[in-house]
Amino acid sequence: MNNKIKERRRDKAAIIQAVTALGGRPAKSNMFHCFQHNDATASAWIRQSREGYWYFRCFTCNFWCDVWDLEAKRTGKDF
């Protein structure tokens, strides 16, 4: 994996931007209202892995992804 890909996965601001670009709404701390369904209570969060990569997870849809997956989803590409 090249350095550009790794660095973007370690950028917390990049994943927040990707989630909000898809319609996710920030809640408290690292919690979000999922962009895939209408939830009154935030059902998703972003977390940092042991390797330093940020990822998004929705507990309701059981959807896990990183910033590159979110970008692919936003642009309609396969991920």
PDB file of N, CA and C in Angstrom:
ATOM      1  N   MET A   1       0.857  -1.176   0.000  1.00  0.00           N
ATOM      2  CA  MET A   1       0.000   0.000   0.000  1.00  0.00           C
ATOM      3  C   MET A   1       0.902   1.238   0.000  1.00  0.00           C
ATOM      4  N   ASN A   2       0.627   2.176  -0.908  1.00  0.00           N
ATOM      5  CA  ASN A   2       1.515   3.329  -0.960  1.00  0.00           C
ATOM      6  C   ASN A   2       1.227   4.311   0.184  1.00  0.00           C
ATOM      7  N   ASN A   3       2.154   5.219   0.409  1.00  0.00           N
ATOM      8  CA  ASN A   3       2.074   6.141   1.553  1.00  0.00           C
ATOM      9  C   ASN A   3       0.866   7.065   1.495  1.00  0.00           C
ATOM     10  N   LYS A   4       0.461   7.496   0.304  1.00  0.00           N
ATOM     11  CA  LYS A   4      -0.697   8.389   0.177  1.00  0.00           C
ATOM     12  C   LYS A   4      -1.963   7.695   0.694  1.00  0.00           C
ATOM     13  N   ILE A   5      -2.122   6.435   0.348  1.00  0.00           N
ATOM     14  CA  ILE A   5      -3.290   5.672   0.800  1.00  0.00           C
ATOM     15  C   ILE A   5      -3.256   5.503   2.312  1.00  0.00           C
ATOM     16  N   LYS A   6      -2.110   5.132   2.845  1.00  0.00           N
ATOM     17  CA  LYS A   6      -1.976   4.943   4.294  1.00  0.00           C
ATOM     18  C   LYS A   6      -2.228   6.238   5.053  1.00  0.00           C
ATOM     19  N   GLU A   7      -1.648   7.325   4.584  1.00  0.00           N
ATOM     20  CA  GLU A   7      -1.802   8.606   5.287  1.00  0.00           C
ATOM     21  C   GLU A   7      -3.250   9.075   5.290  1.00  0.00           C
ATOM     22  N   ARG A   8      -3.955   8.884   4.190  1.00  0.00           N
ATOM     23  CA  ARG A   8      -5.356   9.307   4.158  1.00  0.00           C
ATOM     24  C   ARG A   8      -6.188   8.470   5.115  1.00  0.00           C
ATOM     25  N   ARG A   9      -5.873   7.200   5.256  1.00  0.00           N
ATOM     26  CA  ARG A   9      -6.591   6.341   6.196  1.00  0.00           C
ATOM     27  C   ARG A   9      -6.299   6.736   7.642  1.00  0.00           C
ATOM     28  N   ARG A  10      -5.193   7.405   7.900  1.00  0.00           N
ATOM     29  CA  ARG A  10      -4.840   7.850   9.262  1.00  0.00           C
ATOM     30  C   ARG A  10      -5.346   9.257   9.576  1.00  0.00           C
ATOM     31  N   ASP A  11      -5.985   9.884   8.621  1.00  0.00           N
ATOM     32  CA  ASP A  11      -6.453  11.269   8.759  1.00  0.00           C
ATOM     33  C   ASP A  11      -7.898  11.295   9.276  1.00  0.00           C
ATOM     34  N   LYS A  12      -8.069  11.668  10.524  1.00  0.00           N
ATOM     35  CA  LYS A  12      -9.406  11.697  11.130  1.00  0.00           C
ATOM     36  C   LYS A  12     -10.311  12.695  10.413  1.00  0.00           C
ATOM     37  N   ALA A  13      -9.766  13.835  10.030  1.00  0.00           N
ATOM     38  CA  ALA A  13     -10.573  14.845   9.334  1.00  0.00           C
ATOM     39  C   ALA A  13     -11.096  14.312   8.003  1.00  0.00           C
ATOM     40  N   ALA A  14     -10.312  13.474   7.332  1.00  0.00           N
ATOM     41  CA  ALA A  14     -10.725  12.922   6.036  1.00  0.00           C
ATOM     42  C   ALA A  14     -11.935  12.010   6.185  1.00  0.00           C
ATOM     43  N   ILE A  15     -11.955  11.179   7.218  1.00  0.00           N
ATOM     44  CA  ILE A  15     -13.107  10.277   7.376  1.00  0.00           C
ATOM     45  C   ILE A  15     -14.338  11.052   7.832  1.00  0.00           C
ATOM     46  N   ILE A  16     -14.164  12.055   8.661  1.00  0.00           N
ATOM     47  CA  ILE A  16     -15.301  12.890   9.069  1.00  0.00           C
ATOM     48  C   ILE A  16     -15.895  13.579   7.841  1.00  0.00           C
ATOM     49  N   GLN A  17     -15.047  14.115   6.992  1.00  0.00           N
ATOM     50  CA  GLN A  17     -15.503  14.775   5.765  1.00  0.00           C
ATOM     51  C   GLN A  17     -16.232  13.785   4.853  1.00  0.00           C
ATOM     52  N   ALA A  18     -15.705  12.568   4.732  1.00  0.00           N
ATOM     53  CA  ALA A  18     -16.333  11.557   3.881  1.00  0.00           C
ATOM     54  C   ALA A  18     -17.703  11.143   4.416  1.00  0.00           C
ATOM     55  N   VAL A  19     -17.822  10.987   5.722  1.00  0.00           N
ATOM     56  CA  VAL A  19     -19.106  10.601   6.331  1.00  0.00           C
ATOM     57  C   VAL A  19     -20.134  11.714   6.135  1.00  0.00           C
ATOM     58  N   THR A  20     -19.742  12.937   6.392  1.00  0.00           N
ATOM     59  CA  THR A  20     -20.684  14.056   6.258  1.00  0.00           C
ATOM     60  C   THR A  20     -21.044  14.312   4.797  1.00  0.00           C
ATOM     61  N   ALA A  21     -20.129  14.054   3.868  1.00  0.00           N
ATOM     62  CA  ALA A  21     -20.428  14.219   2.441  1.00  0.00           C
ATOM     63  C   ALA A  21     -21.525  13.261   1.987  1.00  0.00           C
ATOM     64  N   LEU A  22     -21.629  12.117   2.641  1.00  0.00           N
ATOM     65  CA  LEU A  22     -22.674  11.143   2.326  1.00  0.00           C
ATOM     66  C   LEU A  22     -23.978  11.414   3.075  1.00  0.00           C
ATOM     67  N   GLY A  23     -23.971  12.379   3.985  1.00  0.00           N
ATOM     68  CA  GLY A  23     -25.186  12.730   4.719  1.00  0.00           C
ATOM     69  C   GLY A  23     -25.193  12.322   6.172  1.00  0.00           C
ATOM     70  N   GLY A  24     -24.090  11.747   6.653  1.00  0.00           N
ATOM     71  CA  GLY A  24     -23.985  11.426   8.078  1.00  0.00           C
ATOM     72  C   GLY A  24     -23.922  12.713   8.892  1.00  0.00           C
ATOM     73  N   ARG A  25     -24.580  12.716  10.027  1.00  0.00           N
ATOM     74  CA  ARG A  25     -24.588  13.909  10.876  1.00  0.00           C
ATOM     75  C   ARG A  25     -23.830  13.633  12.161  1.00  0.00           C
ATOM     76  N   PRO A  26     -22.885  14.499  12.505  1.00  0.00           N
ATOM     77  CA  PRO A  26     -22.133  14.316  13.752  1.00  0.00           C
ATOM     78  C   PRO A  26     -23.038  14.447  14.972  1.00  0.00           C
ATOM     79  N   ALA A  27     -22.729  13.680  15.993  1.00  0.00           N
ATOM     80  CA  ALA A  27     -23.399  13.767  17.286  1.00  0.00           C
ATOM     81  C   ALA A  27     -22.302  14.024  18.327  1.00  0.00           C
ATOM     82  N   LYS A  28     -22.448  13.510  19.519  1.00  0.00           N
ATOM     83  CA  LYS A  28     -21.434  13.686  20.562  1.00  0.00           C
ATOM     84  C   LYS A  28     -20.162  12.932  20.236  1.00  0.00           C
ATOM     85  N   SER A  29     -19.050  13.485  20.634  1.00  0.00           N
ATOM     86  CA  SER A  29     -17.751  12.840  20.526  1.00  0.00           C
ATOM     87  C   SER A  29     -17.523  12.312  19.115  1.00  0.00           C
ATOM     88  N   ASN A  30     -17.266  11.028  18.969  1.00  0.00           N
ATOM     89  CA  ASN A  30     -17.031  10.428  17.655  1.00  0.00           C
ATOM     90  C   ASN A  30     -18.259   9.700  17.129  1.00  0.00           C
ATOM     91  N   MET A  31     -19.437  10.005  17.678  1.00  0.00           N
ATOM     92  CA  MET A  31     -20.684   9.366  17.264  1.00  0.00           C
ATOM     93  C   MET A  31     -21.300  10.117  16.081  1.00  0.00           C
ATOM     94  N   PHE A  32     -22.043   9.359  15.248  1.00  0.00           N
ATOM     95  CA  PHE A  32     -22.706   9.924  14.073  1.00  0.00           C
ATOM     96  C   PHE A  32     -24.083   9.316  13.896  1.00  0.00           C
ATOM     97  N   HIS A  33     -24.956  10.077  13.237  1.00  0.00           N
ATOM     98  CA  HIS A  33     -26.209   9.539  12.729  1.00  0.00           C
ATOM     99  C   HIS A  33     -25.853   8.954  11.372  1.00  0.00           C
ATOM    100  N   CYS A  34     -26.189   7.707  11.152  1.00  0.00           N
ATOM    101  CA  CYS A  34     -25.787   6.996   9.931  1.00  0.00           C
ATOM    102  C   CYS A  34     -26.424   7.612   8.691  1.00  0.00           C
ATOM    103  N   PHE A  35     -25.659   7.663   7.621  1.00  0.00           N
ATOM    104  CA  PHE A  35     -26.142   8.198   6.350  1.00  0.00           C
ATOM    105  C   PHE A  35     -26.975   7.187   5.571  1.00  0.00           C
ATOM    106  N   GLN A  36     -26.985   5.919   5.990  1.00  0.00           N
ATOM    107  CA  GLN A  36     -27.702   4.875   5.252  1.00  0.00           C
ATOM    108  C   GLN A  36     -29.143   4.688   5.708  1.00  0.00           C
ATOM    109  N   HIS A  37     -29.495   5.212   6.865  1.00  0.00           N
ATOM    110  CA  HIS A  37     -30.862   5.080   7.362  1.00  0.00           C
ATOM    111  C   HIS A  37     -31.171   6.266   8.255  1.00  0.00           C
ATOM    112  N   ASN A  38     -32.435   6.486   8.490  1.00  0.00           N
ATOM    113  CA  ASN A  38     -32.882   7.612   9.310  1.00  0.00           C
ATOM    114  C   ASN A  38     -32.942   7.171  10.765  1.00  0.00           C
ATOM    115  N   ASP A  39     -32.000   7.635  11.574  1.00  0.00           N
ATOM    116  CA  ASP A  39     -32.021   7.263  12.991  1.00  0.00           C
ATOM    117  C   ASP A  39     -32.137   8.501  13.870  1.00  0.00           C
ATOM    118  N   ALA A  40     -32.973   8.411  14.865  1.00  0.00           N
ATOM    119  CA  ALA A  40     -33.160   9.519  15.796  1.00  0.00           C
ATOM    120  C   ALA A  40     -31.987   9.611  16.772  1.00  0.00           C
ATOM    121  N   THR A  41     -31.444   8.462  17.138  1.00  0.00           N
ATOM    122  CA  THR A  41     -30.296   8.393  18.037  1.00  0.00           C
ATOM    123  C   THR A  41     -29.089   7.951  17.217  1.00  0.00           C
ATOM    124  N   ALA A  42     -27.969   8.593  17.460  1.00  0.00           N
ATOM    125  CA  ALA A  42     -26.750   8.243  16.714  1.00  0.00           C
ATOM    126  C   ALA A  42     -26.434   6.758  16.888  1.00  0.00           C
ATOM    127  N   SER A  43     -26.284   6.072  15.767  1.00  0.00           N
ATOM    128  CA  SER A  43     -26.054   4.626  15.813  1.00  0.00           C
ATOM    129  C   SER A  43     -24.688   4.234  15.251  1.00  0.00           C
ATOM    130  N   ALA A  44     -23.884   5.212  14.905  1.00  0.00           N
ATOM    131  CA  ALA A  44     -22.590   4.928  14.283  1.00  0.00           C
ATOM    132  C   ALA A  44     -21.487   5.710  14.987  1.00  0.00           C
ATOM    133  N   TRP A  45     -20.262   5.254  14.786  1.00  0.00           N
ATOM    134  CA  TRP A  45     -19.111   5.983  15.312  1.00  0.00           C
ATOM    135  C   TRP A  45     -17.921   5.813  14.394  1.00  0.00           C
ATOM    136  N   ILE A  46     -16.933   6.665  14.629  1.00  0.00           N
ATOM    137  CA  ILE A  46     -15.643   6.473  13.981  1.00  0.00           C
ATOM    138  C   ILE A  46     -14.656   6.115  15.086  1.00  0.00           C
ATOM    139  N   ARG A  47     -13.778   5.204  14.783  1.00  0.00           N
ATOM    140  CA  ARG A  47     -12.765   4.743  15.734  1.00  0.00           C
ATOM    141  C   ARG A  47     -11.444   4.593  15.012  1.00  0.00           C
ATOM    142  N   GLN A  48     -10.400   4.599  15.807  1.00  0.00           N
ATOM    143  CA  GLN A  48      -9.062   4.410  15.265  1.00  0.00           C
ATOM    144  C   GLN A  48      -8.585   3.003  15.609  1.00  0.00           C
ATOM    145  N   SER A  49      -8.098   2.283  14.614  1.00  0.00           N
ATOM    146  CA  SER A  49      -7.601   0.923  14.815  1.00  0.00           C
ATOM    147  C   SER A  49      -6.228   0.962  15.486  1.00  0.00           C
ATOM    148  N   ARG A  50      -5.748  -0.189  15.876  1.00  0.00           N
ATOM    149  CA  ARG A  50      -4.409  -0.282  16.484  1.00  0.00           C
ATOM    150  C   ARG A  50      -3.319   0.184  15.530  1.00  0.00           C
ATOM    151  N   GLU A  51      -3.578   0.001  14.232  1.00  0.00           N
ATOM    152  CA  GLU A  51      -2.603   0.412  13.216  1.00  0.00           C
ATOM    153  C   GLU A  51      -2.661   1.913  12.934  1.00  0.00           C
ATOM    154  N   GLY A  52      -3.637   2.597  13.514  1.00  0.00           N
ATOM    155  CA  GLY A  52      -3.757   4.043  13.344  1.00  0.00           C
ATOM    156  C   GLY A  52      -4.740   4.473  12.274  1.00  0.00           C
ATOM    157  N   TYR A  53      -5.442   3.507  11.652  1.00  0.00           N
ATOM    158  CA  TYR A  53      -6.406   3.825  10.611  1.00  0.00           C
ATOM    159  C   TYR A  53      -7.767   4.131  11.221  1.00  0.00           C
ATOM    160  N   TRP A  54      -8.447   5.138  10.692  1.00  0.00           N
ATOM    161  CA  TRP A  54      -9.786   5.486  11.144  1.00  0.00           C
ATOM    162  C   TRP A  54     -10.808   4.727  10.318  1.00  0.00           C
ATOM    163  N   TYR A  55     -11.869   4.282  10.958  1.00  0.00           N
ATOM    164  CA  TYR A  55     -12.938   3.601  10.249  1.00  0.00           C
ATOM    165  C   TYR A  55     -14.286   4.002  10.835  1.00  0.00           C
ATOM    166  N   PHE A  56     -15.333   3.799  10.039  1.00  0.00           N
ATOM    167  CA  PHE A  56     -16.712   4.119  10.385  1.00  0.00           C
ATOM    168  C   PHE A  56     -17.454   2.811  10.611  1.00  0.00           C
ATOM    169  N   ARG A  57     -18.292   2.770  11.625  1.00  0.00           N
ATOM    170  CA  ARG A  57     -19.138   1.599  11.853  1.00  0.00           C
ATOM    171  C   ARG A  57     -20.512   2.036  12.312  1.00  0.00           C
ATOM    172  N   CYS A  58     -21.529   1.476  11.665  1.00  0.00           N
ATOM    173  CA  CYS A  58     -22.906   1.668  12.110  1.00  0.00           C
ATOM    174  C   CYS A  58     -23.364   0.378  12.760  1.00  0.00           C
ATOM    175  N   PHE A  59     -23.840   0.469  13.980  1.00  0.00           N
ATOM    176  CA  PHE A  59     -24.299  -0.705  14.722  1.00  0.00           C
ATOM    177  C   PHE A  59     -25.640  -1.215  14.210  1.00  0.00           C
ATOM    178  N   THR A  60     -26.452  -0.335  13.656  1.00  0.00           N
ATOM    179  CA  THR A  60     -27.766  -0.742  13.152  1.00  0.00           C
ATOM    180  C   THR A  60     -27.643  -1.504  11.838  1.00  0.00           C
ATOM    181  N   CYS A  61     -26.883  -0.957  10.883  1.00  0.00           N
ATOM    182  CA  CYS A  61     -26.733  -1.629   9.570  1.00  0.00           C
ATOM    183  C   CYS A  61     -25.579  -2.622   9.552  1.00  0.00           C
ATOM    184  N   ASN A  62     -24.750  -2.601  10.581  1.00  0.00           N
ATOM    185  CA  ASN A  62     -23.542  -3.419  10.642  1.00  0.00           C
ATOM    186  C   ASN A  62     -22.638  -3.120   9.443  1.00  0.00           C
ATOM    187  N   PHE A  63     -22.509  -1.837   9.122  1.00  0.00           N
ATOM    188  CA  PHE A  63     -21.699  -1.365   8.000  1.00  0.00           C
ATOM    189  C   PHE A  63     -20.367  -0.860   8.545  1.00  0.00           C
ATOM    190  N   TRP A  64     -19.265  -1.440   8.074  1.00  0.00           N
ATOM    191  CA  TRP A  64     -17.910  -1.045   8.453  1.00  0.00           C
ATOM    192  C   TRP A  64     -17.196  -0.541   7.214  1.00  0.00           C
ATOM    193  N   CYS A  65     -16.429   0.533   7.321  1.00  0.00           N
ATOM    194  CA  CYS A  65     -15.687   1.005   6.155  1.00  0.00           C
ATOM    195  C   CYS A  65     -14.597   1.986   6.573  1.00  0.00           C
ATOM    196  N   ASP A  66     -13.661   2.230   5.662  1.00  0.00           N
ATOM    197  CA  ASP A  66     -12.651   3.252   5.884  1.00  0.00           C
ATOM    198  C   ASP A  66     -12.934   4.424   4.943  1.00  0.00           C
ATOM    199  N   VAL A  67     -12.061   5.399   4.943  1.00  0.00           N
ATOM    200  CA  VAL A  67     -12.270   6.602   4.142  1.00  0.00           C
ATOM    201  C   VAL A  67     -12.337   6.285   2.653  1.00  0.00           C
ATOM    202  N   TRP A  68     -11.565   5.312   2.196  1.00  0.00           N
ATOM    203  CA  TRP A  68     -11.565   4.953   0.769  1.00  0.00           C
ATOM    204  C   TRP A  68     -12.871   4.267   0.376  1.00  0.00           C
ATOM    205  N   ASP A  69     -13.415   3.438   1.260  1.00  0.00           N
ATOM    206  CA  ASP A  69     -14.714   2.807   0.990  1.00  0.00           C
ATOM    207  C   ASP A  69     -15.809   3.864   0.894  1.00  0.00           C
ATOM    208  N   LEU A  70     -15.768   4.842   1.794  1.00  0.00           N
ATOM    209  CA  LEU A  70     -16.763   5.914   1.785  1.00  0.00           C
ATOM    210  C   LEU A  70     -16.661   6.746   0.510  1.00  0.00           C
ATOM    211  N   GLU A  71     -15.455   7.021   0.083  1.00  0.00           N
ATOM    212  CA  GLU A  71     -15.256   7.788  -1.153  1.00  0.00           C
ATOM    213  C   GLU A  71     -15.795   7.011  -2.352  1.00  0.00           C
ATOM    214  N   ALA A  72     -15.553   5.714  -2.387  1.00  0.00           N
ATOM    215  CA  ALA A  72     -16.066   4.879  -3.479  1.00  0.00           C
ATOM    216  C   ALA A  72     -17.595   4.882  -3.476  1.00  0.00           C
ATOM    217  N   LYS A  73     -18.185   4.780  -2.296  1.00  0.00           N
ATOM    218  CA  LYS A  73     -19.646   4.794  -2.175  1.00  0.00           C
ATOM    219  C   LYS A  73     -20.206   6.126  -2.670  1.00  0.00           C
ATOM    220  N   ARG A  74     -19.554   7.218  -2.300  1.00  0.00           N
ATOM    221  CA  ARG A  74     -20.017   8.551  -2.697  1.00  0.00           C
ATOM    222  C   ARG A  74     -19.946   8.754  -4.202  1.00  0.00           C
ATOM    223  N   THR A  75     -18.909   8.230  -4.824  1.00  0.00           N
ATOM    224  CA  THR A  75     -18.716   8.434  -6.264  1.00  0.00           C
ATOM    225  C   THR A  75     -19.342   7.319  -7.107  1.00  0.00           C
ATOM    226  N   GLY A  76     -19.908   6.292  -6.467  1.00  0.00           N
ATOM    227  CA  GLY A  76     -20.566   5.226  -7.192  1.00  0.00           C
ATOM    228  C   GLY A  76     -19.623   4.172  -7.747  1.00  0.00           C
ATOM    229  N   LYS A  77     -18.409   4.124  -7.237  1.00  0.00           N
ATOM    230  CA  LYS A  77     -17.444   3.123  -7.690  1.00  0.00           C
ATOM    231  C   LYS A  77     -17.511   1.908  -6.787  1.00  0.00           C
ATOM    232  N   ASP A  78     -17.020   0.782  -7.281  1.00  0.00           N
ATOM    233  CA  ASP A  78     -16.942  -0.439  -6.465  1.00  0.00           C
ATOM    234  C   ASP A  78     -15.870  -0.275  -5.399  1.00  0.00           C
ATOM    235  N   PHE A  79     -16.129  -0.887  -4.252  1.00  0.00           N
ATOM    236  CA  PHE A  79     -15.094  -0.880  -3.221  1.00  0.00           C
ATOM    237  C   PHE A  79     -14.838  -2.237  -2.671  1.00  0.00           C
TER     238      PHE A  79
END
